[in-house]
Amino acid sequence: MSHVTLLQATERIALHRRSRWATRLACCALLTLCSACAEGSSNVTRMANGVRYEGRFISPEAYADYTIGIEHETRGEYGKALVWYAQARSEDPESPEIWARIGAVQCSSVAAQDGPGTAAHAFDNGLRLDSDYYGNYFERARCEERARDFNRGLADAMAAVARRPGDEPANLLVARLLQALGRSADARLWLEAFDSFRDASPAMKRALEAARKPNAANASSQAADGAAAPLNAPGRTAVRSAAFAELRAGELESARKRAETELGADPSNSDAWVAALVACDALRDNACFDSALAALRTPSLPPSDTALLFLSDLLARRTGATVSR
């Protein structure tokens, strides 16, 4: 059965509702979105990335309508997608995910500058239902990026990352918005930090490679959102820079010199790289910071726990966000 025929068949099942059992079968067989489709249960067990989750029951009809909406949204058929999302919302009014998709298609279906205003009600509704669901922040940030409202977009993108630190598209979005605001060094630092302890996808590696180039202000803004690849944190390593002790003692200039010496001896020493960045930032020496930023060579060992703590504090100071380790 072709993709188009499958969509049409699913639409007919959902539209006619000839049998709740037929709808449930269509949902479970075609979508495989839940591990149990038992009506009448208040909780449902689902599997995501090998992890078992207990969640509220969602009707098969809502699943089916939501997925048909995704199909139409993917095709750029925003009017049809909105109809199906609205139907899904009527069947599952407690879903912040549905409001995120409604907001996304409302934003995409109008002129870029009108998107944030058109979709504001949907995103607000989704956040009222669940202020911790990252999707409404992420989609609102994308909408604001499209409208070139980069400051608001950055705040929402960082809110999305704070709620799902390992989400690669959200981290890419933060970096693009930093670039759009002229903060190329911060964008590269953000990408370097993500890459230092995550297995990044080809899309992330392309964005980082572009950010490392002299014309990064233009290059990294071309990085596209992609589906997140499986992300695995590697094992931690021992501290590899004596400069951290000097940083703790407040001996900033000595820490900078020591870190630069260590980095010169081993350009792949990510601990020395972090220490140099922290020292240069504390000294408010932008030339030093830019030089240190460009000094790290890969492949390198992941930063130690100590380096990650300093790096997290550095990112918080420079971007205004607290980054989860």
Protein backbone atom coordinates (compact mmCIF):
# COMPACT_ATOMS: atom_id res chain seq x y z
CA MET A 1 0.00 0.00 0.00
CA SER A 2 1.45 3.40 -0.99
CA HIS A 3 2.03 6.17 1.54
CA VAL A 4 -0.81 8.25 0.07
CA THR A 5 -3.19 5.32 0.05
CA LEU A 6 -2.32 4.52 3.67
CA LEU A 7 -3.11 8.09 4.70
CA GLN A 8 -6.40 8.03 2.81
CA ALA A 9 -7.35 4.70 4.38
CA THR A 10 -6.59 5.97 7.86
CA GLU A 11 -8.63 9.12 7.20
CA ARG A 12 -11.62 7.06 6.12
CA ILE A 13 -11.39 4.96 9.28
CA ALA A 14 -11.21 8.04 11.49
CA LEU A 15 -13.94 9.91 9.62
CA HIS A 16 -16.60 7.21 9.53
CA ARG A 17 -15.96 5.79 13.02
CA ARG A 18 -17.84 2.64 11.95
CA SER A 19 -16.26 0.71 14.77
CA ARG A 20 -14.26 1.74 17.82
CA TRP A 21 -12.47 -1.60 17.52
CA ALA A 22 -11.52 -0.86 13.90
CA THR A 23 -10.19 2.54 14.93
CA ARG A 24 -8.17 1.01 17.75
CA LEU A 25 -6.71 -1.59 15.40
CA ALA A 26 -5.81 1.06 12.83
CA CYS A 27 -4.12 3.16 15.48
CA CYS A 28 -2.15 0.31 17.04
CA ALA A 29 -1.19 -1.41 13.80
CA LEU A 30 -0.31 1.65 11.75
CA LEU A 31 1.16 3.96 14.37
CA THR A 32 2.65 1.69 17.06
CA LEU A 33 2.60 4.64 19.42
CA CYS A 34 1.71 2.82 22.59
CA SER A 35 2.55 -0.58 24.01
CA ALA A 36 -1.00 -1.14 25.27
CA CYS A 37 -4.29 0.04 23.76
CA ALA A 38 -6.69 -1.02 26.49
CA GLU A 39 -9.76 1.16 26.75
CA GLY A 40 -11.03 1.89 30.22
CA SER A 41 -7.60 2.10 31.87
CA SER A 42 -6.61 5.38 33.49
CA ASN A 43 -2.89 4.67 32.96
CA VAL A 44 -0.98 3.32 29.97
CA THR A 45 2.54 1.91 29.81
CA ARG A 46 4.64 3.21 26.93
CA MET A 47 8.19 2.56 25.79
CA ALA A 48 10.51 5.36 24.58
CA ASN A 49 14.18 4.69 23.83
CA GLY A 50 14.00 1.51 25.86
CA VAL A 51 12.57 3.26 28.93
CA ARG A 52 9.15 2.35 30.32
CA TYR A 53 6.82 5.25 31.15
CA GLU A 54 3.46 5.30 32.89
CA GLY A 55 1.12 7.93 31.48
CA ARG A 56 -2.52 8.87 31.21
CA PHE A 57 -4.81 7.00 28.84
CA ILE A 58 -5.21 8.62 25.42
CA SER A 59 -7.98 7.42 23.18
CA PRO A 60 -7.07 5.63 19.93
CA GLU A 61 -9.18 8.21 18.07
CA ALA A 62 -7.00 11.05 19.38
CA TYR A 63 -3.85 9.17 18.37
CA ALA A 64 -5.21 8.54 14.89
CA ASP A 65 -6.32 12.14 14.31
CA TYR A 66 -3.05 13.52 15.69
CA THR A 67 -1.00 11.32 13.36
CA ILE A 68 -3.07 12.26 10.32
CA GLY A 69 -2.40 15.87 11.27
CA ILE A 70 1.34 15.12 11.35
CA GLU A 71 1.07 13.60 7.86
CA HIS A 72 -0.58 16.74 6.47
CA GLU A 73 1.79 19.08 8.32
CA THR A 74 4.79 17.23 6.89
CA ARG A 75 3.34 17.73 3.40
CA GLY A 76 2.85 21.46 4.04
CA GLU A 77 -0.94 21.06 3.98
CA TYR A 78 -1.44 23.28 7.01
CA GLY A 79 -5.18 23.84 6.64
CA LYS A 80 -5.86 20.10 6.61
CA ALA A 81 -3.40 19.54 9.45
CA LEU A 82 -5.19 22.12 11.58
CA VAL A 83 -8.55 20.39 11.03
CA TRP A 84 -7.18 17.06 12.23
CA TYR A 85 -5.31 18.58 15.19
CA ALA A 86 -8.51 20.35 16.24
CA GLN A 87 -10.33 17.03 16.08
CA ALA A 88 -7.58 15.40 18.16
CA ARG A 89 -7.82 18.21 20.70
CA SER A 90 -11.56 17.70 21.07
CA GLU A 91 -10.88 14.05 21.90
CA ASP A 92 -7.89 14.76 24.15
CA PRO A 93 -8.29 18.29 25.61
CA GLU A 94 -5.51 17.75 28.19
CA SER A 95 -2.70 17.36 25.64
CA PRO A 96 -0.02 20.10 25.53
CA GLU A 97 1.54 18.27 22.56
CA ILE A 98 -1.52 18.91 20.40
CA TRP A 99 -1.45 22.63 21.22
CA ALA A 100 2.23 22.74 20.20
CA ARG A 101 1.36 21.30 16.80
CA ILE A 102 -1.62 23.63 16.40
CA GLY A 103 0.64 26.59 17.13
CA ALA A 104 3.29 25.32 14.73
CA VAL A 105 0.90 24.99 11.77
CA GLN A 106 -0.78 28.31 12.57
CA CYS A 107 2.63 29.95 12.50
CA SER A 108 3.66 28.24 9.25
CA SER A 109 0.41 29.05 7.44
CA VAL A 110 0.74 32.86 7.63
CA ALA A 111 3.35 35.45 6.74
CA ALA A 112 6.50 35.17 8.87
CA GLN A 113 5.93 38.44 10.73
CA ASP A 114 2.36 37.44 11.62
CA GLY A 115 3.23 33.99 12.96
CA PRO A 116 3.88 34.75 16.64
CA GLY A 117 0.64 36.69 17.02
CA THR A 118 -1.44 34.12 15.15
CA ALA A 119 -0.08 31.18 17.16
CA ALA A 120 0.19 32.90 20.56
CA HIS A 121 -3.13 31.56 21.87
CA ALA A 122 -2.23 27.95 21.04
CA PHE A 123 1.18 28.10 22.69
CA ASP A 124 -0.25 29.82 25.77
CA ASN A 125 -2.91 27.12 26.07
CA GLY A 126 -0.29 24.40 25.82
CA LEU A 127 1.87 26.00 28.51
CA ARG A 128 -1.12 26.42 30.80
CA LEU A 129 -1.73 22.69 30.54
CA ASP A 130 1.92 21.80 31.21
CA SER A 131 4.53 24.49 31.74
CA ASP A 132 7.30 21.84 31.73
CA TYR A 133 6.55 20.42 28.29
CA TYR A 134 9.44 21.56 26.10
CA GLY A 135 7.54 21.37 22.79
CA ASN A 136 5.55 24.58 23.15
CA TYR A 137 8.71 26.53 23.99
CA PHE A 138 10.56 24.96 21.06
CA GLU A 139 7.83 25.56 18.49
CA ARG A 140 7.24 29.10 19.72
CA ALA A 141 10.99 29.75 19.42
CA ARG A 142 10.95 28.46 15.83
CA CYS A 143 8.00 30.71 15.10
CA GLU A 144 9.84 33.71 16.58
CA GLU A 145 12.98 32.84 14.63
CA ARG A 146 10.92 32.85 11.43
CA ALA A 147 9.59 36.28 12.36
CA ARG A 148 13.18 37.44 13.11
CA ASP A 149 12.29 38.12 16.74
CA PHE A 150 15.61 36.66 17.81
CA ASN A 151 15.67 37.81 21.45
CA ARG A 152 12.30 36.26 22.28
CA GLY A 153 13.22 33.21 20.24
CA LEU A 154 16.44 32.74 22.18
CA ALA A 155 14.62 32.92 25.52
CA ASP A 156 12.12 30.27 24.39
CA ALA A 157 14.79 28.04 22.82
CA MET A 158 16.77 28.11 26.06
CA ALA A 159 13.62 27.29 28.00
CA ALA A 160 13.19 24.26 25.72
CA VAL A 161 16.79 23.15 26.30
CA ALA A 162 16.42 23.61 30.05
CA ARG A 163 13.54 21.13 29.97
CA ARG A 164 15.20 18.69 27.55
CA PRO A 165 18.99 19.29 27.58
CA GLY A 166 19.78 16.42 25.24
CA ASP A 167 17.44 17.56 22.47
CA GLU A 168 19.65 18.29 19.47
CA PRO A 169 17.23 20.41 17.38
CA ALA A 170 16.63 22.69 20.38
CA ASN A 171 20.39 23.10 20.92
CA LEU A 172 20.90 23.83 17.24
CA LEU A 173 18.14 26.43 17.46
CA VAL A 174 19.88 28.15 20.40
CA ALA A 175 23.11 28.32 18.42
CA ARG A 176 21.37 29.74 15.33
CA LEU A 177 19.65 32.42 17.38
CA LEU A 178 22.90 33.38 19.11
CA GLN A 179 24.46 33.75 15.66
CA ALA A 180 21.52 35.82 14.45
CA LEU A 181 22.10 38.16 17.41
CA GLY A 182 25.75 38.56 16.43
CA ARG A 183 27.05 36.40 19.28
CA SER A 184 29.18 34.07 17.17
CA ALA A 185 31.61 33.15 19.95
CA ASP A 186 28.78 32.19 22.27
CA ALA A 187 27.13 30.13 19.51
CA ARG A 188 30.34 28.22 18.92
CA LEU A 189 30.86 27.73 22.66
CA TRP A 190 27.32 26.35 22.94
CA LEU A 191 27.92 23.85 20.13
CA GLU A 192 31.36 22.87 21.44
CA ALA A 193 29.86 22.20 24.87
CA PHE A 194 27.11 20.03 23.41
CA ASP A 195 29.54 18.12 21.21
CA SER A 196 32.03 17.57 24.06
CA PHE A 197 29.82 15.13 25.93
CA ARG A 198 27.23 13.96 23.42
CA ASP A 199 27.36 11.77 20.33
CA ALA A 200 26.13 14.36 17.86
CA SER A 201 24.39 13.72 14.55
CA PRO A 202 25.81 14.76 11.17
CA ALA A 203 23.60 17.89 11.31
CA MET A 204 25.18 18.99 14.60
CA LYS A 205 28.69 18.23 13.36
CA ARG A 206 28.06 20.31 10.22
CA ALA A 207 26.84 23.20 12.35
CA LEU A 208 29.91 22.97 14.59
CA GLU A 209 32.25 22.78 11.61
CA ALA A 210 30.61 25.90 10.17
CA ALA A 211 30.84 27.69 13.54
CA ARG A 212 34.59 27.04 13.66
CA LYS A 213 35.18 28.84 10.38
CA PRO A 214 36.12 32.54 10.22
CA ASN A 215 32.82 33.39 8.47
CA ALA A 216 30.80 31.49 11.10
CA ALA A 217 28.32 34.36 11.54
CA ASN A 218 26.85 33.48 8.16
CA ALA A 219 27.62 29.78 7.99
CA SER A 220 25.99 28.49 11.15
CA SER A 221 22.69 30.26 10.49
CA GLN A 222 22.24 27.81 7.60
CA ALA A 223 22.20 24.78 9.91
CA ALA A 224 18.81 23.07 9.59
CA ASP A 225 16.76 21.33 12.23
CA GLY A 226 17.06 17.56 12.04
CA ALA A 227 15.66 14.64 13.90
CA ALA A 228 17.64 14.05 17.06
CA ALA A 229 20.12 11.19 16.85
CA PRO A 230 20.58 8.83 19.78
CA LEU A 231 22.62 10.73 22.34
CA ASN A 232 24.86 8.92 24.80
CA ALA A 233 27.00 10.55 27.44
CA PRO A 234 30.49 9.02 27.50
CA GLY A 235 32.36 8.12 30.64
CA ARG A 236 34.00 10.89 32.63
CA THR A 237 37.76 11.39 32.74
CA ALA A 238 40.25 12.62 35.32
CA VAL A 239 41.03 16.32 35.67
CA ARG A 240 43.72 17.27 33.14
CA SER A 241 44.44 20.91 34.01
CA ALA A 242 46.16 22.43 37.03
CA ALA A 243 44.61 25.78 36.14
CA PHE A 244 41.33 24.94 37.90
CA ALA A 245 43.02 25.19 41.32
CA GLU A 246 44.26 28.67 40.43
CA LEU A 247 40.81 29.66 39.20
CA ARG A 248 39.33 28.59 42.53
CA ALA A 249 41.97 30.70 44.32
CA GLY A 250 41.06 33.73 42.24
CA GLU A 251 44.47 33.84 40.54
CA LEU A 252 43.01 34.57 37.13
CA GLU A 253 46.09 35.68 35.23
CA SER A 254 48.12 32.74 36.50
CA ALA A 255 45.28 30.40 35.59
CA ARG A 256 45.12 31.85 32.09
CA LYS A 257 48.85 31.44 31.52
CA ARG A 258 48.90 27.91 32.89
CA ALA A 259 45.89 26.88 30.79
CA GLU A 260 47.40 28.40 27.66
CA THR A 261 50.67 26.56 28.32
CA GLU A 262 48.82 23.27 28.80
CA LEU A 263 46.76 23.84 25.69
CA GLY A 264 49.84 24.73 23.69
CA ALA A 265 51.46 21.47 24.75
CA ASP A 266 48.34 19.47 23.95
CA PRO A 267 45.78 21.25 21.74
CA SER A 268 43.31 18.38 22.34
CA ASN A 269 43.25 18.94 26.13
CA SER A 270 39.60 19.92 26.61
CA ASP A 271 40.13 20.61 30.34
CA ALA A 272 42.84 23.16 29.58
CA TRP A 273 40.58 24.64 26.90
CA VAL A 274 37.73 25.12 29.37
CA ALA A 275 40.08 26.61 31.97
CA ALA A 276 41.46 29.06 29.40
CA LEU A 277 37.96 30.14 28.37
CA VAL A 278 36.89 30.64 31.98
CA ALA A 279 40.00 32.64 32.83
CA CYS A 280 39.73 34.86 29.75
CA ASP A 281 36.03 35.44 30.41
CA ALA A 282 36.70 36.34 34.05
CA LEU A 283 39.42 38.77 32.93
CA ARG A 284 36.97 40.25 30.40
CA ASP A 285 39.58 39.81 27.70
CA ASN A 286 37.62 39.23 24.50
CA ALA A 287 40.70 38.74 22.33
CA CYS A 288 41.98 36.13 24.75
CA PHE A 289 38.58 34.42 24.80
CA ASP A 290 38.34 34.29 21.00
CA SER A 291 41.89 32.94 20.76
CA ALA A 292 41.19 30.23 23.33
CA LEU A 293 37.92 29.34 21.62
CA ALA A 294 39.78 28.58 18.41
CA ALA A 295 42.61 26.65 20.09
CA LEU A 296 40.95 23.30 20.80
CA ARG A 297 41.72 20.52 18.35
CA THR A 298 39.79 17.32 17.95
CA PRO A 299 39.56 14.47 18.57
CA SER A 300 39.88 15.08 22.28
CA LEU A 301 38.85 13.34 25.47
CA PRO A 302 35.57 14.52 27.01
CA PRO A 303 35.93 17.21 29.69
CA SER A 304 36.25 15.99 33.26
CA ASP A 305 33.47 16.52 35.79
CA THR A 306 35.39 19.53 37.15
CA ALA A 307 35.71 21.03 33.67
CA LEU A 308 32.01 20.48 33.01
CA LEU A 309 31.10 22.37 36.18
CA PHE A 310 33.25 25.33 35.13
CA LEU A 311 31.86 25.13 31.58
CA SER A 312 28.27 25.09 32.86
CA ASP A 313 28.95 28.20 34.95
CA LEU A 314 30.60 29.89 31.97
CA LEU A 315 27.65 29.18 29.70
CA ALA A 316 25.26 30.46 32.36
CA ARG A 317 27.18 33.74 32.66
CA ARG A 318 27.47 34.33 28.93
CA THR A 319 24.03 33.15 27.81
CA GLY A 320 21.87 33.58 30.90
CA ALA A 321 20.84 29.91 30.97
CA THR A 322 21.63 27.12 33.38
CA VAL A 323 22.74 24.05 31.41
CA SER A 324 22.11 20.58 32.77
CA ARG A 325 25.12 18.30 32.96
